[in-house]
Amino acid sequence: MNKTNTEKAIKELTMVLMYLTRFNESDRFGSYLDISWKGYDFNVINELDEEDYIRQGSHRSKSVAITEEGIKLAQSLLHKYSISDW
Protein backbone atom coordinates (compact mmCIF):
# COMPACT_ATOMS: atom_id res chain seq x y z
CA MET A 1 0.00 0.00 0.00
CA ASN A 2 1.41 3.40 -0.99
CA LYS A 3 1.54 5.94 1.80
CA THR A 4 0.27 9.48 1.31
CA ASN A 5 2.54 12.24 2.62
CA THR A 6 1.23 14.19 5.58
CA GLU A 7 0.52 17.48 3.79
CA LYS A 8 -1.41 15.76 1.01
CA ALA A 9 -3.39 13.68 3.53
CA ILE A 10 -4.34 16.80 5.51
CA LYS A 11 -5.56 18.50 2.33
CA GLU A 12 -7.48 15.44 1.14
CA LEU A 13 -9.06 14.72 4.50
CA THR A 14 -10.02 18.38 4.93
CA MET A 15 -11.87 18.16 1.61
CA VAL A 16 -13.57 14.95 2.77
CA LEU A 17 -14.62 16.53 6.08
CA MET A 18 -16.01 19.60 4.32
CA TYR A 19 -17.96 17.35 1.97
CA LEU A 20 -19.34 15.11 4.75
CA THR A 21 -20.40 18.07 6.92
CA ARG A 22 -21.93 20.12 4.08
CA PHE A 23 -25.41 21.57 4.04
CA ASN A 24 -27.50 23.20 1.31
CA GLU A 25 -28.21 26.89 1.19
CA SER A 26 -29.94 29.01 -1.42
CA ASP A 27 -27.90 31.80 -2.97
CA ARG A 28 -29.32 35.17 -3.98
CA PHE A 29 -30.22 33.78 -7.44
CA GLY A 30 -32.25 30.88 -6.05
CA SER A 31 -29.63 28.20 -6.81
CA TYR A 32 -28.70 25.77 -4.09
CA LEU A 33 -25.07 25.58 -2.98
CA ASP A 34 -23.29 22.90 -0.97
CA ILE A 35 -21.87 24.87 1.96
CA SER A 36 -19.44 23.86 4.71
CA TRP A 37 -18.00 25.68 7.69
CA LYS A 38 -14.36 26.58 7.26
CA GLY A 39 -12.94 25.76 10.67
CA TYR A 40 -9.88 24.12 9.13
CA ASP A 41 -6.28 25.13 8.43
CA PHE A 42 -6.38 28.41 6.50
CA ASN A 43 -3.45 27.45 4.25
CA VAL A 44 -5.28 24.27 3.20
CA ILE A 45 -8.50 26.20 2.62
CA ASN A 46 -6.63 28.74 0.50
CA GLU A 47 -5.06 25.95 -1.59
CA LEU A 48 -8.44 24.27 -2.14
CA ASP A 49 -9.87 27.65 -3.16
CA GLU A 50 -7.01 28.31 -5.60
CA GLU A 51 -7.58 24.85 -7.14
CA ASP A 52 -11.32 25.68 -7.50
CA TYR A 53 -12.56 22.85 -5.27
CA ILE A 54 -14.18 25.38 -2.95
CA ARG A 55 -15.03 29.07 -3.08
CA GLN A 56 -14.53 31.20 0.00
CA GLY A 57 -15.94 34.43 -1.28
CA SER A 58 -14.87 36.83 1.43
CA HIS A 59 -11.94 35.65 3.54
CA ARG A 60 -13.94 36.92 6.52
CA SER A 61 -16.89 34.57 5.92
CA LYS A 62 -17.23 31.52 8.13
CA SER A 63 -18.34 29.16 5.37
CA VAL A 64 -17.26 28.02 1.91
CA ALA A 65 -19.16 26.77 -1.13
CA ILE A 66 -18.04 23.41 -2.50
CA THR A 67 -17.78 23.42 -6.30
CA GLU A 68 -18.86 20.57 -8.59
CA GLU A 69 -15.18 19.67 -9.00
CA GLY A 70 -14.82 19.69 -5.22
CA ILE A 71 -17.75 17.29 -4.87
CA LYS A 72 -16.21 14.96 -7.46
CA LEU A 73 -12.85 15.10 -5.70
CA ALA A 74 -14.40 14.43 -2.29
CA GLN A 75 -16.38 11.46 -3.61
CA SER A 76 -13.23 9.94 -5.14
CA LEU A 77 -11.38 10.51 -1.84
CA LEU A 78 -14.17 8.75 0.06
CA HIS A 79 -13.51 5.74 -2.14
CA LYS A 80 -9.73 6.06 -1.68
CA TYR A 81 -10.03 6.12 2.12
CA SER A 82 -12.90 3.55 2.23
CA ILE A 83 -15.34 5.99 3.84
CA SER A 84 -19.09 5.62 3.25
CA ASP A 85 -21.01 8.54 1.77
CA TRP A 86 -24.31 9.67 3.26
PDB file of N, CA and C in Angstrom:
ATOM      1  N   MET A   1       0.844  -1.178   0.000  1.00  0.00           N
ATOM      2  CA  MET A   1       0.000   0.000   0.000  1.00  0.00           C
ATOM      3  C   MET A   1       0.893   1.247   0.000  1.00  0.00           C
ATOM      4  N   ASN A   2       0.638   2.160  -0.924  1.00  0.00           N
ATOM      5  CA  ASN A   2       1.412   3.399  -0.986  1.00  0.00           C
ATOM      6  C   ASN A   2       0.940   4.358   0.089  1.00  0.00           C
ATOM      7  N   LYS A   3       1.882   4.967   0.760  1.00  0.00           N
ATOM      8  CA  LYS A   3       1.539   5.936   1.797  1.00  0.00           C
ATOM      9  C   LYS A   3       1.414   7.322   1.194  1.00  0.00           C
ATOM     10  N   THR A   4       0.474   8.097   1.720  1.00  0.00           N
ATOM     11  CA  THR A   4       0.273   9.479   1.310  1.00  0.00           C
ATOM     12  C   THR A   4       1.064  10.361   2.256  1.00  0.00           C
ATOM     13  N   ASN A   5       1.783  11.362   1.715  1.00  0.00           N
ATOM     14  CA  ASN A   5       2.536  12.237   2.617  1.00  0.00           C
ATOM     15  C   ASN A   5       1.572  13.051   3.478  1.00  0.00           C
ATOM     16  N   THR A   6       2.062  13.538   4.580  1.00  0.00           N
ATOM     17  CA  THR A   6       1.232  14.191   5.582  1.00  0.00           C
ATOM     18  C   THR A   6       0.477  15.403   5.037  1.00  0.00           C
ATOM     19  N   GLU A   7       1.174  16.276   4.303  1.00  0.00           N
ATOM     20  CA  GLU A   7       0.525  17.484   3.785  1.00  0.00           C
ATOM     21  C   GLU A   7      -0.613  17.146   2.829  1.00  0.00           C
ATOM     22  N   LYS A   8      -0.374  16.169   1.957  1.00  0.00           N
ATOM     23  CA  LYS A   8      -1.411  15.757   1.009  1.00  0.00           C
ATOM     24  C   LYS A   8      -2.588  15.129   1.743  1.00  0.00           C
ATOM     25  N   ALA A   9      -2.316  14.318   2.751  1.00  0.00           N
ATOM     26  CA  ALA A   9      -3.391  13.678   3.527  1.00  0.00           C
ATOM     27  C   ALA A   9      -4.239  14.728   4.242  1.00  0.00           C
ATOM     28  N   ILE A  10      -3.599  15.736   4.816  1.00  0.00           N
ATOM     29  CA  ILE A  10      -4.342  16.796   5.507  1.00  0.00           C
ATOM     30  C   ILE A  10      -5.271  17.502   4.525  1.00  0.00           C
ATOM     31  N   LYS A  11      -4.758  17.820   3.352  1.00  0.00           N
ATOM     32  CA  LYS A  11      -5.556  18.499   2.331  1.00  0.00           C
ATOM     33  C   LYS A  11      -6.716  17.618   1.877  1.00  0.00           C
ATOM     34  N   GLU A  12      -6.435  16.352   1.585  1.00  0.00           N
ATOM     35  CA  GLU A  12      -7.477  15.438   1.135  1.00  0.00           C
ATOM     36  C   GLU A  12      -8.539  15.215   2.208  1.00  0.00           C
ATOM     37  N   LEU A  13      -8.108  14.999   3.424  1.00  0.00           N
ATOM     38  CA  LEU A  13      -9.062  14.724   4.502  1.00  0.00           C
ATOM     39  C   LEU A  13      -9.863  15.966   4.889  1.00  0.00           C
ATOM     40  N   THR A  14      -9.265  17.146   4.725  1.00  0.00           N
ATOM     41  CA  THR A  14     -10.018  18.384   4.934  1.00  0.00           C
ATOM     42  C   THR A  14     -11.144  18.471   3.915  1.00  0.00           C
ATOM     43  N   MET A  15     -10.842  18.144   2.657  1.00  0.00           N
ATOM     44  CA  MET A  15     -11.873  18.159   1.613  1.00  0.00           C
ATOM     45  C   MET A  15     -12.973  17.151   1.931  1.00  0.00           C
ATOM     46  N   VAL A  16     -12.590  15.974   2.403  1.00  0.00           N
ATOM     47  CA  VAL A  16     -13.567  14.945   2.773  1.00  0.00           C
ATOM     48  C   VAL A  16     -14.446  15.443   3.925  1.00  0.00           C
ATOM     49  N   LEU A  17     -13.840  16.032   4.942  1.00  0.00           N
ATOM     50  CA  LEU A  17     -14.622  16.527   6.082  1.00  0.00           C
ATOM     51  C   LEU A  17     -15.577  17.645   5.662  1.00  0.00           C
ATOM     52  N   MET A  18     -15.116  18.542   4.801  1.00  0.00           N
ATOM     53  CA  MET A  18     -16.007  19.599   4.321  1.00  0.00           C
ATOM     54  C   MET A  18     -17.185  19.000   3.560  1.00  0.00           C
ATOM     55  N   TYR A  19     -16.902  17.998   2.755  1.00  0.00           N
ATOM     56  CA  TYR A  19     -17.959  17.345   1.975  1.00  0.00           C
ATOM     57  C   TYR A  19     -18.960  16.648   2.903  1.00  0.00           C
ATOM     58  N   LEU A  20     -18.453  15.883   3.874  1.00  0.00           N
ATOM     59  CA  LEU A  20     -19.338  15.112   4.755  1.00  0.00           C
ATOM     60  C   LEU A  20     -20.162  15.986   5.694  1.00  0.00           C
ATOM     61  N   THR A  21     -19.679  17.185   5.998  1.00  0.00           N
ATOM     62  CA  THR A  21     -20.404  18.073   6.920  1.00  0.00           C
ATOM     63  C   THR A  21     -21.137  19.196   6.194  1.00  0.00           C
ATOM     64  N   ARG A  22     -21.297  19.060   4.888  1.00  0.00           N
ATOM     65  CA  ARG A  22     -21.929  20.123   4.083  1.00  0.00           C
ATOM     66  C   ARG A  22     -23.429  20.211   4.356  1.00  0.00           C
ATOM     67  N   PHE A  23     -23.966  21.353   3.991  1.00  0.00           N
ATOM     68  CA  PHE A  23     -25.413  21.569   4.036  1.00  0.00           C
ATOM     69  C   PHE A  23     -25.779  22.422   2.834  1.00  0.00           C
ATOM     70  N   ASN A  24     -27.054  22.436   2.476  1.00  0.00           N
ATOM     71  CA  ASN A  24     -27.501  23.201   1.312  1.00  0.00           C
ATOM     72  C   ASN A  24     -28.037  24.545   1.748  1.00  0.00           C
ATOM     73  N   GLU A  25     -27.730  25.533   0.936  1.00  0.00           N
ATOM     74  CA  GLU A  25     -28.209  26.889   1.189  1.00  0.00           C
ATOM     75  C   GLU A  25     -28.514  27.541  -0.152  1.00  0.00           C
ATOM     76  N   SER A  26     -29.566  28.303  -0.197  1.00  0.00           N
ATOM     77  CA  SER A  26     -29.943  29.006  -1.415  1.00  0.00           C
ATOM     78  C   SER A  26     -29.113  30.278  -1.533  1.00  0.00           C
ATOM     79  N   ASP A  27     -28.618  30.544  -2.755  1.00  0.00           N
ATOM     80  CA  ASP A  27     -27.903  31.804  -2.967  1.00  0.00           C
ATOM     81  C   ASP A  27     -28.899  32.880  -3.399  1.00  0.00           C
ATOM     82  N   ARG A  28     -28.425  34.062  -3.663  1.00  0.00           N
ATOM     83  CA  ARG A  28     -29.318  35.168  -3.985  1.00  0.00           C
ATOM     84  C   ARG A  28     -30.025  34.995  -5.320  1.00  0.00           C
ATOM     85  N   PHE A  29     -29.587  34.036  -6.153  1.00  0.00           N
ATOM     86  CA  PHE A  29     -30.219  33.780  -7.436  1.00  0.00           C
ATOM     87  C   PHE A  29     -31.167  32.586  -7.384  1.00  0.00           C
ATOM     88  N   GLY A  30     -31.341  32.002  -6.207  1.00  0.00           N
ATOM     89  CA  GLY A  30     -32.251  30.879  -6.050  1.00  0.00           C
ATOM     90  C   GLY A  30     -31.620  29.516  -6.294  1.00  0.00           C
ATOM     91  N   SER A  31     -30.327  29.481  -6.631  1.00  0.00           N
ATOM     92  CA  SER A  31     -29.635  28.202  -6.808  1.00  0.00           C
ATOM     93  C   SER A  31     -29.230  27.670  -5.441  1.00  0.00           C
ATOM     94  N   TYR A  32     -29.136  26.362  -5.349  1.00  0.00           N
ATOM     95  CA  TYR A  32     -28.695  25.774  -4.089  1.00  0.00           C
ATOM     96  C   TYR A  32     -27.211  25.468  -4.147  1.00  0.00           C
ATOM     97  N   LEU A  33     -26.512  25.798  -3.085  1.00  0.00           N
ATOM     98  CA  LEU A  33     -25.073  25.581  -2.983  1.00  0.00           C
ATOM     99  C   LEU A  33     -24.802  24.582  -1.868  1.00  0.00           C
ATOM    100  N   ASP A  34     -23.771  23.757  -2.052  1.00  0.00           N
ATOM    101  CA  ASP A  34     -23.294  22.899  -0.975  1.00  0.00           C
ATOM    102  C   ASP A  34     -22.305  23.722  -0.170  1.00  0.00           C
ATOM    103  N   ILE A  35     -22.642  23.992   1.089  1.00  0.00           N
ATOM    104  CA  ILE A  35     -21.870  24.868   1.964  1.00  0.00           C
ATOM    105  C   ILE A  35     -21.251  24.058   3.093  1.00  0.00           C
ATOM    106  N   SER A  36     -20.085  24.464   3.545  1.00  0.00           N
ATOM    107  CA  SER A  36     -19.443  23.858   4.707  1.00  0.00           C
ATOM    108  C   SER A  36     -18.792  24.959   5.537  1.00  0.00           C
ATOM    109  N   TRP A  37     -18.710  24.744   6.829  1.00  0.00           N
ATOM    110  CA  TRP A  37     -18.001  25.680   7.692  1.00  0.00           C
ATOM    111  C   TRP A  37     -16.523  25.545   7.426  1.00  0.00           C
ATOM    112  N   LYS A  38     -15.786  26.633   7.573  1.00  0.00           N
ATOM    113  CA  LYS A  38     -14.357  26.575   7.264  1.00  0.00           C
ATOM    114  C   LYS A  38     -13.487  26.669   8.505  1.00  0.00           C
ATOM    115  N   GLY A  39     -13.730  25.806   9.446  1.00  0.00           N
ATOM    116  CA  GLY A  39     -12.940  25.755  10.668  1.00  0.00           C
ATOM    117  C   GLY A  39     -11.736  24.844  10.519  1.00  0.00           C
ATOM    118  N   TYR A  40     -11.032  24.966   9.417  1.00  0.00           N
ATOM    119  CA  TYR A  40      -9.877  24.122   9.126  1.00  0.00           C
ATOM    120  C   TYR A  40      -8.658  25.008   8.884  1.00  0.00           C
ATOM    121  N   ASP A  41      -7.521  24.401   8.676  1.00  0.00           N
ATOM    122  CA  ASP A  41      -6.278  25.126   8.434  1.00  0.00           C
ATOM    123  C   ASP A  41      -6.453  26.104   7.273  1.00  0.00           C
ATOM    124  N   PHE A  42      -6.173  27.375   7.517  1.00  0.00           N
ATOM    125  CA  PHE A  42      -6.384  28.409   6.503  1.00  0.00           C
ATOM    126  C   PHE A  42      -5.527  28.196   5.257  1.00  0.00           C
ATOM    127  N   ASN A  43      -4.306  27.703   5.418  1.00  0.00           N
ATOM    128  CA  ASN A  43      -3.454  27.448   4.251  1.00  0.00           C
ATOM    129  C   ASN A  43      -4.065  26.375   3.351  1.00  0.00           C
ATOM    130  N   VAL A  44      -4.626  25.333   3.967  1.00  0.00           N
ATOM    131  CA  VAL A  44      -5.277  24.269   3.197  1.00  0.00           C
ATOM    132  C   VAL A  44      -6.515  24.819   2.504  1.00  0.00           C
ATOM    133  N   ILE A  45      -7.304  25.601   3.215  1.00  0.00           N
ATOM    134  CA  ILE A  45      -8.500  26.201   2.621  1.00  0.00           C
ATOM    135  C   ILE A  45      -8.120  27.090   1.440  1.00  0.00           C
ATOM    136  N   ASN A  46      -7.078  27.877   1.599  1.00  0.00           N
ATOM    137  CA  ASN A  46      -6.633  28.744   0.499  1.00  0.00           C
ATOM    138  C   ASN A  46      -6.190  27.923  -0.713  1.00  0.00           C
ATOM    139  N   GLU A  47      -5.484  26.816  -0.485  1.00  0.00           N
ATOM    140  CA  GLU A  47      -5.059  25.953  -1.589  1.00  0.00           C
ATOM    141  C   GLU A  47      -6.267  25.348  -2.305  1.00  0.00           C
ATOM    142  N   LEU A  48      -7.243  24.857  -1.542  1.00  0.00           N
ATOM    143  CA  LEU A  48      -8.438  24.270  -2.142  1.00  0.00           C
ATOM    144  C   LEU A  48      -9.212  25.318  -2.938  1.00  0.00           C
ATOM    145  N   ASP A  49      -9.216  26.559  -2.452  1.00  0.00           N
ATOM    146  CA  ASP A  49      -9.871  27.651  -3.160  1.00  0.00           C
ATOM    147  C   ASP A  49      -9.129  27.957  -4.465  1.00  0.00           C
ATOM    148  N   GLU A  50      -7.810  28.027  -4.413  1.00  0.00           N
ATOM    149  CA  GLU A  50      -7.005  28.306  -5.602  1.00  0.00           C
ATOM    150  C   GLU A  50      -7.172  27.216  -6.661  1.00  0.00           C
ATOM    151  N   GLU A  51      -7.401  25.979  -6.218  1.00  0.00           N
ATOM    152  CA  GLU A  51      -7.582  24.851  -7.141  1.00  0.00           C
ATOM    153  C   GLU A  51      -9.040  24.711  -7.578  1.00  0.00           C
ATOM    154  N   ASP A  52      -9.904  25.609  -7.141  1.00  0.00           N
ATOM    155  CA  ASP A  52     -11.324  25.678  -7.501  1.00  0.00           C
ATOM    156  C   ASP A  52     -12.149  24.484  -7.020  1.00  0.00           C
ATOM    157  N   TYR A  53     -11.750  23.890  -5.877  1.00  0.00           N
ATOM    158  CA  TYR A  53     -12.563  22.851  -5.266  1.00  0.00           C
ATOM    159  C   TYR A  53     -13.584  23.459  -4.311  1.00  0.00           C
ATOM    160  N   ILE A  54     -13.265  24.630  -3.805  1.00  0.00           N
ATOM    161  CA  ILE A  54     -14.178  25.384  -2.948  1.00  0.00           C
ATOM    162  C   ILE A  54     -14.107  26.847  -3.354  1.00  0.00           C
ATOM    163  N   ARG A  55     -15.064  27.617  -2.894  1.00  0.00           N
ATOM    164  CA  ARG A  55     -15.032  29.068  -3.084  1.00  0.00           C
ATOM    165  C   ARG A  55     -15.316  29.714  -1.740  1.00  0.00           C
ATOM    166  N   GLN A  56     -14.385  30.544  -1.292  1.00  0.00           N
ATOM    167  CA  GLN A  56     -14.530  31.197   0.004  1.00  0.00           C
ATOM    168  C   GLN A  56     -15.333  32.480  -0.066  1.00  0.00           C
ATOM    169  N   GLY A  57     -15.343  33.102  -1.222  1.00  0.00           N
ATOM    170  CA  GLY A  57     -15.937  34.428  -1.284  1.00  0.00           C
ATOM    171  C   GLY A  57     -15.059  35.356  -0.465  1.00  0.00           C
ATOM    172  N   SER A  58     -15.619  35.971   0.533  1.00  0.00           N
ATOM    173  CA  SER A  58     -14.866  36.833   1.433  1.00  0.00           C
ATOM    174  C   SER A  58     -14.025  35.981   2.374  1.00  0.00           C
ATOM    175  N   HIS A  59     -12.794  36.383   2.594  1.00  0.00           N
ATOM    176  CA  HIS A  59     -11.943  35.652   3.541  1.00  0.00           C
ATOM    177  C   HIS A  59     -12.453  35.795   4.968  1.00  0.00           C
ATOM    178  N   ARG A  60     -13.381  36.722   5.180  1.00  0.00           N
ATOM    179  CA  ARG A  60     -13.941  36.921   6.517  1.00  0.00           C
ATOM    180  C   ARG A  60     -15.148  36.028   6.777  1.00  0.00           C
ATOM    181  N   SER A  61     -15.706  35.415   5.725  1.00  0.00           N
ATOM    182  CA  SER A  61     -16.885  34.568   5.921  1.00  0.00           C
ATOM    183  C   SER A  61     -16.495  33.306   6.682  1.00  0.00           C
ATOM    184  N   LYS A  62     -17.485  32.709   7.318  1.00  0.00           N
ATOM    185  CA  LYS A  62     -17.234  31.520   8.129  1.00  0.00           C
ATOM    186  C   LYS A  62     -17.552  30.235   7.391  1.00  0.00           C
ATOM    187  N   SER A  63     -17.997  30.353   6.132  1.00  0.00           N
ATOM    188  CA  SER A  63     -18.336  29.160   5.367  1.00  0.00           C
ATOM    189  C   SER A  63     -17.756  29.258   3.964  1.00  0.00           C
ATOM    190  N   VAL A  64     -17.724  28.106   3.283  1.00  0.00           N
ATOM    191  CA  VAL A  64     -17.256  28.023   1.910  1.00  0.00           C
ATOM    192  C   VAL A  64     -18.304  27.280   1.088  1.00  0.00           C
ATOM    193  N   ALA A  65     -18.318  27.533  -0.216  1.00  0.00           N
ATOM    194  CA  ALA A  65     -19.159  26.765  -1.132  1.00  0.00           C
ATOM    195  C   ALA A  65     -18.281  25.705  -1.786  1.00  0.00           C
ATOM    196  N   ILE A  66     -18.779  24.491  -1.850  1.00  0.00           N
ATOM    197  CA  ILE A  66     -18.042  23.406  -2.497  1.00  0.00           C
ATOM    198  C   ILE A  66     -18.464  23.372  -3.964  1.00  0.00           C
ATOM    199  N   THR A  67     -17.495  23.420  -4.865  1.00  0.00           N
ATOM    200  CA  THR A  67     -17.783  23.424  -6.298  1.00  0.00           C
ATOM    201  C   THR A  67     -18.105  22.002  -6.772  1.00  0.00           C
ATOM    202  N   GLU A  68     -18.593  21.892  -7.997  1.00  0.00           N
ATOM    203  CA  GLU A  68     -18.861  20.572  -8.588  1.00  0.00           C
ATOM    204  C   GLU A  68     -17.581  19.735  -8.626  1.00  0.00           C
ATOM    205  N   GLU A  69     -16.468  20.380  -8.984  1.00  0.00           N
ATOM    206  CA  GLU A  69     -15.184  19.668  -9.001  1.00  0.00           C
ATOM    207  C   GLU A  69     -14.790  19.219  -7.593  1.00  0.00           C
ATOM    208  N   GLY A  70     -15.099  20.049  -6.602  1.00  0.00           N
ATOM    209  CA  GLY A  70     -14.823  19.686  -5.216  1.00  0.00           C
ATOM    210  C   GLY A  70     -15.640  18.487  -4.773  1.00  0.00           C
ATOM    211  N   ILE A  71     -16.895  18.438  -5.197  1.00  0.00           N
ATOM    212  CA  ILE A  71     -17.751  17.291  -4.869  1.00  0.00           C
ATOM    213  C   ILE A  71     -17.200  16.024  -5.513  1.00  0.00           C
ATOM    214  N   LYS A  72     -16.792  16.118  -6.775  1.00  0.00           N
ATOM    215  CA  LYS A  72     -16.215  14.955  -7.462  1.00  0.00           C
ATOM    216  C   LYS A  72     -14.944  14.486  -6.767  1.00  0.00           C
ATOM    217  N   LEU A  73     -14.088  15.452  -6.399  1.00  0.00           N
ATOM    218  CA  LEU A  73     -12.847  15.098  -5.696  1.00  0.00           C
ATOM    219  C   LEU A  73     -13.165  14.417  -4.371  1.00  0.00           C
ATOM    220  N   ALA A  74     -14.063  15.001  -3.602  1.00  0.00           N
ATOM    221  CA  ALA A  74     -14.402  14.435  -2.290  1.00  0.00           C
ATOM    222  C   ALA A  74     -14.963  13.022  -2.428  1.00  0.00           C
ATOM    223  N   GLN A  75     -15.819  12.798  -3.415  1.00  0.00           N
ATOM    224  CA  GLN A  75     -16.379  11.461  -3.612  1.00  0.00           C
ATOM    225  C   GLN A  75     -15.300  10.449  -3.986  1.00  0.00           C
ATOM    226  N   SER A  76     -14.320  10.863  -4.796  1.00  0.00           N
ATOM    227  CA  SER A  76     -13.231   9.940  -5.138  1.00  0.00           C
ATOM    228  C   SER A  76     -12.339   9.688  -3.915  1.00  0.00           C
ATOM    229  N   LEU A  77     -12.180  10.694  -3.060  1.00  0.00           N
ATOM    230  CA  LEU A  77     -11.382  10.511  -1.842  1.00  0.00           C
ATOM    231  C   LEU A  77     -12.091   9.609  -0.842  1.00  0.00           C
ATOM    232  N   LEU A  78     -13.418   9.674  -0.800  1.00  0.00           N
ATOM    233  CA  LEU A  78     -14.170   8.752   0.062  1.00  0.00           C
ATOM    234  C   LEU A  78     -13.857   7.319  -0.340  1.00  0.00           C
ATOM    235  N   HIS A  79     -13.834   7.075  -1.640  1.00  0.00           N
ATOM    236  CA  HIS A  79     -13.510   5.741  -2.144  1.00  0.00           C
ATOM    237  C   HIS A  79     -12.063   5.372  -1.780  1.00  0.00           C
ATOM    238  N   LYS A  80     -11.148   6.302  -1.983  1.00  0.00           N
ATOM    239  CA  LYS A  80      -9.733   6.060  -1.678  1.00  0.00           C
ATOM    240  C   LYS A  80      -9.527   5.664  -0.225  1.00  0.00           C
ATOM    241  N   TYR A  81     -10.207   6.363   0.682  1.00  0.00           N
ATOM    242  CA  TYR A  81     -10.035   6.120   2.121  1.00  0.00           C
ATOM    243  C   TYR A  81     -11.072   5.151   2.683  1.00  0.00           C
ATOM    244  N   SER A  82     -11.872   4.516   1.826  1.00  0.00           N
ATOM    245  CA  SER A  82     -12.896   3.550   2.232  1.00  0.00           C
ATOM    246  C   SER A  82     -13.859   4.117   3.270  1.00  0.00           C
ATOM    247  N   ILE A  83     -14.379   5.322   2.969  1.00  0.00           N
ATOM    248  CA  ILE A  83     -15.343   5.987   3.840  1.00  0.00           C
ATOM    249  C   ILE A  83     -16.692   5.988   3.126  1.00  0.00           C
ATOM    250  N   SER A  84     -17.750   5.634   3.837  1.00  0.00           N
ATOM    251  CA  SER A  84     -19.088   5.619   3.251  1.00  0.00           C
ATOM    252  C   SER A  84     -19.606   7.037   3.088  1.00  0.00           C
ATOM    253  N   ASP A  85     -20.330   7.257   1.998  1.00  0.00           N
ATOM    254  CA  ASP A  85     -21.014   8.537   1.771  1.00  0.00           C
ATOM    255  C   ASP A  85     -22.360   8.465   2.475  1.00  0.00           C
ATOM    256  N   TRP A  86     -22.988   9.625   2.638  1.00  0.00           N
ATOM    257  CA  TRP A  86     -24.308   9.666   3.257  1.00  0.00           C
ATOM    258  C   TRP A  86     -25.247   8.951   2.376  1.00  0.00           C
TER     259      TRP A  86
END
